[in-house]
């Protein structure tokens, strides 16, 4: 299974969510996307967006001011 990564560091909401949405639109079912961000708003915004759109959060890590969110894409 392929994992793609986007760099949303130094971007403020809603840009990390928009970048994730754009990337996911190009991915296939069950592929993974890792979003790396520095805006703490992603801790709420990306999981909420995933719930609304049916994607799964697999992992959220915080280290040295960076947040990494791993998303599994669910498309029908």
N, C-alpha and C. Protein backbone atom coordinates (compact mmCIF):
# COMPACT_ATOMS: atom_id res chain seq x y z
N UNK A 1 0.84 -1.17 0.00
CA UNK A 1 0.00 0.00 0.00
C UNK A 1 0.89 1.24 0.00
N UNK A 2 0.57 2.16 -0.86
CA UNK A 2 1.37 3.36 -1.03
C UNK A 2 0.96 4.44 -0.04
N UNK A 3 1.96 5.13 0.51
CA UNK A 3 1.71 6.28 1.38
C UNK A 3 2.29 7.51 0.70
N UNK A 4 1.46 8.55 0.59
CA UNK A 4 1.88 9.82 0.03
C UNK A 4 2.02 10.83 1.17
N UNK A 5 2.81 11.84 0.95
CA UNK A 5 3.08 12.80 2.01
C UNK A 5 2.93 14.21 1.46
N UNK A 6 2.27 15.08 2.24
CA UNK A 6 2.22 16.49 1.86
C UNK A 6 2.79 17.32 3.01
N UNK A 7 3.44 18.39 2.64
CA UNK A 7 4.06 19.30 3.60
C UNK A 7 3.16 20.52 3.75
N UNK A 8 2.51 20.62 4.90
CA UNK A 8 1.64 21.76 5.18
C UNK A 8 2.22 22.60 6.32
N UNK A 9 3.52 22.45 6.55
CA UNK A 9 4.17 23.23 7.59
C UNK A 9 4.11 24.72 7.25
N UNK A 10 3.97 25.53 8.29
CA UNK A 10 3.91 26.98 8.17
C UNK A 10 2.67 27.48 7.44
N UNK A 11 1.69 26.60 7.23
CA UNK A 11 0.41 27.02 6.65
C UNK A 11 -0.64 27.05 7.76
N UNK A 12 -1.54 27.99 7.67
CA UNK A 12 -2.59 28.13 8.67
C UNK A 12 -3.92 27.68 8.08
N UNK A 13 -4.80 27.24 8.97
CA UNK A 13 -6.12 26.79 8.55
C UNK A 13 -6.81 27.89 7.77
N UNK A 14 -7.47 27.49 6.69
CA UNK A 14 -7.84 26.13 6.32
C UNK A 14 -6.89 25.46 5.33
N UNK A 15 -5.74 26.04 5.06
CA UNK A 15 -4.86 25.52 4.00
C UNK A 15 -4.41 24.07 4.19
N UNK A 16 -4.04 23.60 5.40
CA UNK A 16 -3.67 22.19 5.51
C UNK A 16 -4.82 21.25 5.12
N UNK A 17 -6.04 21.61 5.48
CA UNK A 17 -7.20 20.79 5.12
C UNK A 17 -7.42 20.82 3.60
N UNK A 18 -7.28 21.98 3.01
CA UNK A 18 -7.45 22.10 1.56
C UNK A 18 -6.39 21.30 0.82
N UNK A 19 -5.15 21.36 1.29
CA UNK A 19 -4.09 20.58 0.66
C UNK A 19 -4.35 19.07 0.80
N UNK A 20 -4.84 18.66 1.97
CA UNK A 20 -5.18 17.24 2.18
C UNK A 20 -6.32 16.83 1.26
N UNK A 21 -7.34 17.66 1.16
CA UNK A 21 -8.48 17.37 0.30
C UNK A 21 -8.05 17.23 -1.16
N UNK A 22 -7.21 18.15 -1.63
CA UNK A 22 -6.72 18.09 -3.00
C UNK A 22 -5.91 16.82 -3.25
N UNK A 23 -5.06 16.46 -2.30
CA UNK A 23 -4.24 15.25 -2.46
C UNK A 23 -5.11 14.00 -2.46
N UNK A 24 -6.06 13.93 -1.54
CA UNK A 24 -6.91 12.75 -1.45
C UNK A 24 -7.75 12.58 -2.70
N UNK A 25 -8.12 13.66 -3.34
CA UNK A 25 -8.92 13.55 -4.58
C UNK A 25 -8.15 12.81 -5.67
N UNK A 26 -6.82 12.78 -5.57
CA UNK A 26 -5.98 12.10 -6.57
C UNK A 26 -5.61 10.67 -6.17
N UNK A 27 -5.95 10.26 -4.95
CA UNK A 27 -5.54 8.95 -4.46
C UNK A 27 -6.62 7.91 -4.68
N UNK A 28 -6.21 6.65 -4.60
CA UNK A 28 -7.11 5.51 -4.75
C UNK A 28 -7.57 5.02 -3.38
N UNK A 29 -8.63 4.23 -3.39
CA UNK A 29 -9.15 3.62 -2.17
C UNK A 29 -8.05 2.86 -1.43
N UNK A 30 -7.99 3.05 -0.13
CA UNK A 30 -7.07 2.37 0.80
C UNK A 30 -5.64 2.88 0.74
N UNK A 31 -5.33 3.84 -0.12
CA UNK A 31 -4.01 4.45 -0.07
C UNK A 31 -3.95 5.34 1.17
N UNK A 32 -2.74 5.75 1.53
CA UNK A 32 -2.54 6.56 2.72
C UNK A 32 -1.94 7.91 2.36
N UNK A 33 -2.33 8.89 3.17
CA UNK A 33 -1.78 10.23 3.04
C UNK A 33 -1.27 10.66 4.40
N UNK A 34 -0.04 11.15 4.43
CA UNK A 34 0.52 11.71 5.65
C UNK A 34 0.60 13.22 5.48
N UNK A 35 -0.02 13.94 6.39
CA UNK A 35 0.00 15.40 6.38
C UNK A 35 0.92 15.85 7.51
N UNK A 36 1.93 16.64 7.17
CA UNK A 36 2.84 17.19 8.18
C UNK A 36 2.54 18.68 8.28
N UNK A 37 2.20 19.14 9.48
CA UNK A 37 1.79 20.53 9.68
C UNK A 37 2.37 21.07 10.97
N UNK A 38 2.33 22.40 11.09
CA UNK A 38 2.76 23.05 12.32
C UNK A 38 1.60 23.78 13.00
N UNK A 39 0.52 24.01 12.31
CA UNK A 39 -0.66 24.67 12.88
C UNK A 39 -1.44 23.67 13.71
N UNK A 40 -1.55 23.92 15.01
CA UNK A 40 -2.24 22.99 15.91
C UNK A 40 -3.72 22.84 15.59
N UNK A 41 -4.27 23.72 14.78
CA UNK A 41 -5.66 23.59 14.36
C UNK A 41 -5.94 22.30 13.60
N UNK A 42 -4.89 21.72 12.99
CA UNK A 42 -5.09 20.47 12.24
C UNK A 42 -5.51 19.33 13.14
N UNK A 43 -5.17 19.42 14.44
CA UNK A 43 -5.55 18.35 15.38
C UNK A 43 -7.06 18.20 15.49
N UNK A 44 -7.78 19.25 15.22
CA UNK A 44 -9.24 19.20 15.21
C UNK A 44 -9.78 19.15 13.78
N UNK A 45 -9.24 20.01 12.91
CA UNK A 45 -9.81 20.21 11.59
C UNK A 45 -9.69 19.00 10.67
N UNK A 46 -8.52 18.38 10.62
CA UNK A 46 -8.35 17.23 9.71
C UNK A 46 -9.17 16.03 10.18
N UNK A 47 -9.15 15.65 11.48
CA UNK A 47 -10.03 14.55 11.89
C UNK A 47 -11.51 14.84 11.62
N UNK A 48 -11.94 16.08 11.82
CA UNK A 48 -13.35 16.43 11.55
C UNK A 48 -13.64 16.28 10.06
N UNK A 49 -12.76 16.76 9.21
CA UNK A 49 -12.94 16.64 7.77
C UNK A 49 -12.98 15.17 7.35
N UNK A 50 -12.10 14.36 7.95
CA UNK A 50 -12.08 12.93 7.64
C UNK A 50 -13.39 12.25 8.05
N UNK A 51 -13.90 12.57 9.22
CA UNK A 51 -15.18 11.99 9.66
C UNK A 51 -16.30 12.33 8.68
N UNK A 52 -16.36 13.58 8.26
CA UNK A 52 -17.41 14.01 7.34
C UNK A 52 -17.30 13.29 6.00
N UNK A 53 -16.07 13.03 5.55
CA UNK A 53 -15.84 12.45 4.23
C UNK A 53 -15.55 10.96 4.23
N UNK A 54 -15.60 10.32 5.40
CA UNK A 54 -15.49 8.87 5.46
C UNK A 54 -14.08 8.31 5.43
N UNK A 55 -13.08 9.13 5.66
CA UNK A 55 -11.70 8.65 5.70
C UNK A 55 -11.32 8.34 7.14
N UNK A 56 -10.29 7.53 7.33
CA UNK A 56 -9.88 7.11 8.67
C UNK A 56 -8.56 7.74 9.07
N UNK A 57 -8.52 8.24 10.29
CA UNK A 57 -7.26 8.70 10.87
C UNK A 57 -6.59 7.47 11.47
N UNK A 58 -5.39 7.16 11.00
CA UNK A 58 -4.68 6.00 11.52
C UNK A 58 -3.73 6.36 12.65
N UNK A 59 -3.16 7.56 12.58
CA UNK A 59 -2.19 7.93 13.61
C UNK A 59 -1.99 9.45 13.61
N UNK A 60 -1.81 9.99 14.81
CA UNK A 60 -1.44 11.39 14.96
C UNK A 60 -0.23 11.44 15.88
N UNK A 61 0.84 12.03 15.38
CA UNK A 61 2.07 12.17 16.16
C UNK A 61 2.43 13.65 16.26
N UNK A 62 2.93 14.04 17.42
CA UNK A 62 3.44 15.39 17.63
C UNK A 62 4.88 15.29 18.10
N UNK A 63 5.76 16.01 17.42
CA UNK A 63 7.16 16.00 17.82
C UNK A 63 7.85 17.28 17.35
N UNK A 64 8.54 17.94 18.25
CA UNK A 64 9.32 19.14 17.94
C UNK A 64 8.49 20.20 17.21
N UNK A 65 7.26 20.40 17.61
CA UNK A 65 6.42 21.42 17.01
C UNK A 65 5.77 21.05 15.70
N UNK A 66 5.99 19.82 15.26
CA UNK A 66 5.37 19.34 14.03
C UNK A 66 4.33 18.27 14.35
N UNK A 67 3.26 18.29 13.59
CA UNK A 67 2.17 17.33 13.75
C UNK A 67 2.11 16.50 12.47
N UNK A 68 2.09 15.20 12.64
CA UNK A 68 1.99 14.29 11.51
C UNK A 68 0.69 13.49 11.66
N UNK A 69 -0.16 13.59 10.65
CA UNK A 69 -1.44 12.90 10.66
C UNK A 69 -1.48 11.93 9.50
N UNK A 70 -1.70 10.65 9.80
CA UNK A 70 -1.78 9.61 8.78
C UNK A 70 -3.25 9.30 8.53
N UNK A 71 -3.65 9.41 7.25
CA UNK A 71 -5.04 9.22 6.85
C UNK A 71 -5.12 8.03 5.89
N UNK A 72 -6.08 7.13 6.13
CA UNK A 72 -6.36 6.07 5.15
C UNK A 72 -7.57 6.51 4.33
N UNK A 73 -7.40 6.51 3.03
CA UNK A 73 -8.43 6.98 2.11
C UNK A 73 -9.49 5.89 1.93
N UNK A 74 -10.73 6.29 2.07
CA UNK A 74 -11.86 5.39 1.82
C UNK A 74 -12.72 6.00 0.72
N UNK A 75 -12.72 5.33 -0.42
CA UNK A 75 -13.54 5.77 -1.55
C UNK A 75 -14.35 4.57 -2.01
N UNK A 76 -15.55 4.86 -2.45
CA UNK A 76 -16.40 3.78 -2.97
C UNK A 76 -16.32 3.70 -4.45
